[in-house]
C-alpha atoms as a PDB file:
ATOM      1  CA  MET A   1       0.000   0.000   0.000  1.00  0.00           C
ATOM      2  CA  ASN A   2       1.375   3.438  -0.925  1.00  0.00           C
ATOM      3  CA  PHE A   3       1.004   6.315   1.518  1.00  0.00           C
ATOM      4  CA  PRO A   4       1.511   9.957   0.546  1.00  0.00           C
ATOM      5  CA  ILE A   5       4.835  11.349   1.693  1.00  0.00           C
ATOM      6  CA  GLU A   6       4.530  14.218   4.173  1.00  0.00           C
ATOM      7  CA  ARG A   7       6.940  16.916   3.027  1.00  0.00           C
ATOM      8  CA  ARG A   8       6.281  19.439   5.780  1.00  0.00           C
ATOM      9  CA  ARG A   9       9.135  20.137   8.173  1.00  0.00           C
ATOM     10  CA  PHE A  10       6.964  21.547  10.970  1.00  0.00           C
ATOM     11  CA  PRO A  11       3.798  20.276  12.681  1.00  0.00           C
ATOM     12  CA  ARG A  12       0.645  21.939  11.404  1.00  0.00           C
ATOM     13  CA  VAL A  13      -2.455  22.612  13.520  1.00  0.00           C
ATOM     14  CA  GLU A  14      -6.003  23.416  12.510  1.00  0.00           C
ATOM     15  CA  THR A  15      -6.871  26.769  14.069  1.00  0.00           C
ATOM     16  CA  LYS A  16      -8.737  29.935  13.155  1.00  0.00           C
ATOM     17  CA  LEU A  17      -6.585  32.983  13.929  1.00  0.00           C
ATOM     18  CA  PRO A  18      -7.102  36.592  12.779  1.00  0.00           C
ATOM     19  CA  LEU A  19      -4.725  37.405   9.939  1.00  0.00           C
ATOM     20  CA  LYS A  20      -3.957  40.621   8.074  1.00  0.00           C
ATOM     21  CA  TYR A  21      -2.078  40.540   4.776  1.00  0.00           C
ATOM     22  CA  LYS A  22      -0.648  43.090   2.367  1.00  0.00           C
ATOM     23  CA  MET A  23       0.778  42.560  -1.069  1.00  0.00           C
ATOM     24  CA  ILE A  24       4.422  43.592  -1.294  1.00  0.00           C
ATOM     25  CA  GLY A  25       4.665  46.466  -3.749  1.00  0.00           C
ATOM     26  CA  LYS A  26       1.044  47.592  -3.262  1.00  0.00           C
ATOM     27  CA  LEU A  27       0.969  50.822  -1.302  1.00  0.00           C
ATOM     28  CA  ARG A  28      -2.362  50.764   0.465  1.00  0.00           C
ATOM     29  CA  PHE A  29      -3.997  47.395  -0.047  1.00  0.00           C
ATOM     30  CA  CYS A  30      -4.497  45.502   3.193  1.00  0.00           C
ATOM     31  CA  SER A  31      -7.100  42.885   3.985  1.00  0.00           C
ATOM     32  CA  MET A  32      -8.300  41.004   7.077  1.00  0.00           C
ATOM     33  CA  THR A  33      -9.006  37.274   7.048  1.00  0.00           C
ATOM     34  CA  TYR A  34      -8.265  34.183   9.164  1.00  0.00           C
ATOM     35  CA  THR A  35      -6.126  31.066   9.116  1.00  0.00           C
ATOM     36  CA  LYS A  36      -7.466  27.583   8.520  1.00  0.00           C
ATOM     37  CA  ASN A  37      -4.248  25.955   9.730  1.00  0.00           C
ATOM     38  CA  ILE A  38      -0.747  27.066  10.653  1.00  0.00           C
ATOM     39  CA  SER A  39       2.788  25.870  11.342  1.00  0.00           C
ATOM     40  CA  VAL A  40       6.105  27.604  11.951  1.00  0.00           C
ATOM     41  CA  GLY A  41       6.768  27.164   8.228  1.00  0.00           C
ATOM     42  CA  GLY A  42       3.504  28.404   6.738  1.00  0.00           C
ATOM     43  CA  ALA A  43      -0.262  28.792   6.891  1.00  0.00           C
ATOM     44  CA  LYS A  44      -3.397  28.067   4.927  1.00  0.00           C
ATOM     45  CA  PHE A  45      -5.788  31.022   4.841  1.00  0.00           C
ATOM     46  CA  ILE A  46      -8.707  32.553   2.966  1.00  0.00           C
ATOM     47  CA  VAL A  47      -8.299  35.585   0.692  1.00  0.00           C
ATOM     48  CA  ASP A  48     -10.904  37.625  -1.169  1.00  0.00           C
ATOM     49  CA  ARG A  49      -8.950  37.987  -4.424  1.00  0.00           C
ATOM     50  CA  TYR A  50      -6.628  36.035  -6.662  1.00  0.00           C
ATOM     51  CA  ILE A  51      -2.943  36.365  -5.739  1.00  0.00           C
ATOM     52  CA  ASN A  52      -0.360  35.104  -8.190  1.00  0.00           C
ATOM     53  CA  PHE A  53       1.600  31.961  -7.455  1.00  0.00           C
ATOM     54  CA  ALA A  54       5.013  32.832  -5.935  1.00  0.00           C
ATOM     55  CA  ASP A  55       3.968  36.415  -5.040  1.00  0.00           C
ATOM     56  CA  ARG A  56       5.275  37.588  -1.690  1.00  0.00           C
ATOM     57  CA  ILE A  57       2.969  39.076   0.913  1.00  0.00           C
ATOM     58  CA  VAL A  58       3.397  40.613   4.364  1.00  0.00           C
ATOM     59  CA  VAL A  59       1.327  38.645   6.881  1.00  0.00           C
ATOM     60  CA  GLU A  60       0.445  39.582  10.456  1.00  0.00           C
ATOM     61  CA  ILE A  61      -1.125  36.853  12.588  1.00  0.00           C
ATOM     62  CA  THR A  62      -2.704  37.622  15.948  1.00  0.00           C
ATOM     63  CA  LEU A  63      -2.174  34.768  18.383  1.00  0.00           C
ATOM     64  CA  ALA A  64      -4.559  34.283  21.300  1.00  0.00           C
ATOM     65  CA  GLY A  65      -3.142  35.983  24.384  1.00  0.00           C
ATOM     66  CA  GLN A  66      -0.629  38.096  22.432  1.00  0.00           C
ATOM     67  CA  TYR A  67      -0.924  41.863  22.004  1.00  0.00           C
ATOM     68  CA  THR A  68       1.595  42.172  19.187  1.00  0.00           C
ATOM     69  CA  PRO A  69       0.953  40.111  16.039  1.00  0.00           C
ATOM     70  CA  VAL A  70       3.567  37.785  14.582  1.00  0.00           C
ATOM     71  CA  ARG A  71       4.836  39.340  11.344  1.00  0.00           C
ATOM     72  CA  VAL A  72       6.190  37.267   8.448  1.00  0.00           C
ATOM     73  CA  ILE A  73       6.916  37.485   4.741  1.00  0.00           C
ATOM     74  CA  ALA A  74       5.139  34.639   2.975  1.00  0.00           C
ATOM     75  CA  LYS A  75       5.387  33.316  -0.561  1.00  0.00           C
ATOM     76  CA  VAL A  76       2.240  31.944  -2.211  1.00  0.00           C
ATOM     77  CA  ALA A  77       2.995  28.209  -2.561  1.00  0.00           C
ATOM     78  CA  TRP A  78      -0.425  27.384  -4.007  1.00  0.00           C
ATOM     79  CA  ILE A  79      -3.833  28.980  -4.523  1.00  0.00           C
ATOM     80  CA  GLN A  80      -7.215  27.336  -5.040  1.00  0.00           C
ATOM     81  CA  LYS A  81     -10.601  28.848  -5.899  1.00  0.00           C
ATOM     82  CA  MET A  82     -13.243  28.124  -3.279  1.00  0.00           C
ATOM     83  CA  PRO A  83     -16.495  26.609  -4.514  1.00  0.00           C
ATOM     84  CA  TYR A  84     -19.707  28.609  -4.086  1.00  0.00           C
ATOM     85  CA  ASN A  85     -18.080  32.034  -3.528  1.00  0.00           C
ATOM     86  CA  ASP A  86     -15.458  34.402  -4.912  1.00  0.00           C
ATOM     87  CA  ASN A  87     -12.778  33.645  -2.303  1.00  0.00           C
ATOM     88  CA  TYR A  88      -9.566  31.657  -2.614  1.00  0.00           C
ATOM     89  CA  ILE A  89      -7.591  29.433  -0.264  1.00  0.00           C
ATOM     90  CA  ILE A  90      -3.869  30.113  -0.177  1.00  0.00           C
ATOM     91  CA  GLY A  91      -0.971  28.037   1.048  1.00  0.00           C
ATOM     92  CA  GLY A  92       1.585  30.560   2.257  1.00  0.00           C
ATOM     93  CA  HIS A  93       5.185  29.455   2.832  1.00  0.00           C
ATOM     94  CA  PHE A  94       6.943  31.648   5.427  1.00  0.00           C
ATOM     95  CA  VAL A  95      10.202  32.849   3.898  1.00  0.00           C
ATOM     96  CA  ASP A  96      11.231  35.556   6.384  1.00  0.00           C
ATOM     97  CA  MET A  97      10.424  35.937  10.076  1.00  0.00           C
ATOM     98  CA  SER A  98      12.307  37.371  13.037  1.00  0.00           C
ATOM     99  CA  ARG A  99      13.771  34.883  15.516  1.00  0.00           C
ATOM    100  CA  LYS A 100      11.540  36.324  18.222  1.00  0.00           C
ATOM    101  CA  ASP A 101       8.358  35.847  16.153  1.00  0.00           C
ATOM    102  CA  LYS A 102       9.446  32.338  15.143  1.00  0.00           C
ATOM    103  CA  ARG A 103       9.979  31.437  18.820  1.00  0.00           C
ATOM    104  CA  ILE A 104       6.598  32.934  19.836  1.00  0.00           C
ATOM    105  CA  LEU A 105       4.780  31.137  17.010  1.00  0.00           C
ATOM    106  CA  GLY A 106       6.557  27.854  17.751  1.00  0.00           C
ATOM    107  CA  GLN A 107       5.642  28.023  21.447  1.00  0.00           C
ATOM    108  CA  TYR A 108       2.030  28.838  20.581  1.00  0.00           C
ATOM    109  CA  ILE A 109       1.778  25.879  18.187  1.00  0.00           C
ATOM    110  CA  ASP A 110       3.482  23.551  20.679  1.00  0.00           C
ATOM    111  CA  GLY A 111       0.826  24.570  23.214  1.00  0.00           C
ATOM    112  CA  LEU A 112      -1.962  23.821  20.752  1.00  0.00           C
ATOM    113  CA  ILE A 113      -0.475  20.439  19.875  1.00  0.00           C
ATOM    114  CA  GLY A 114      -0.221  19.549  23.559  1.00  0.00           C
ATOM    115  CA  ASN A 115      -3.833  20.583  24.134  1.00  0.00           C
ATOM    116  CA  GLN A 116      -5.061  18.586  21.119  1.00  0.00           C
ATOM    117  CA  PHE A 117      -3.201  15.532  22.383  1.00  0.00           C
ATOM    118  CA  VAL A 118      -4.744  15.770  25.851  1.00  0.00           C
ATOM    119  CA  GLU A 119      -8.219  16.635  24.528  1.00  0.00           C
ATOM    120  CA  ALA A 120      -8.150  13.493  22.389  1.00  0.00           C
ATOM    121  CA  GLY A 121      -7.831  11.459  25.606  1.00  0.00           C
ATOM    122  CA  ASN A 122      -4.143  10.714  25.159  1.00  0.00           C
ATOM    123  CA  TYR A 123      -1.614  11.558  27.826  1.00  0.00           C
ATOM    124  CA  ILE A 124       2.129  11.858  27.562  1.00  0.00           C
END
């Protein structure tokens, strides 16, 4: 039996977090949305317009319990039209992030993974 190979380097969690994004090179365009899932290496999120494959965008993600959003530069790894509306789902690969933001995001995700593990009835 063949199983798909998981190519992700970082654990990904399903979570809905507020996200603001801005196209690099566009002066005033900024839009609010939310994540569908996230890892230290990238996120899947909803956008209200088509963004070209490989375009770079500035992304700010507000983590629960944090006042300052995590800020990253993401590259569009893939984009898919959503059925039944005019929105798109994007896979954003994080290409630039400060060490501090990477640490904060990693700790947040580790906490979510731990909570999911315990909520599922499994204990370490």
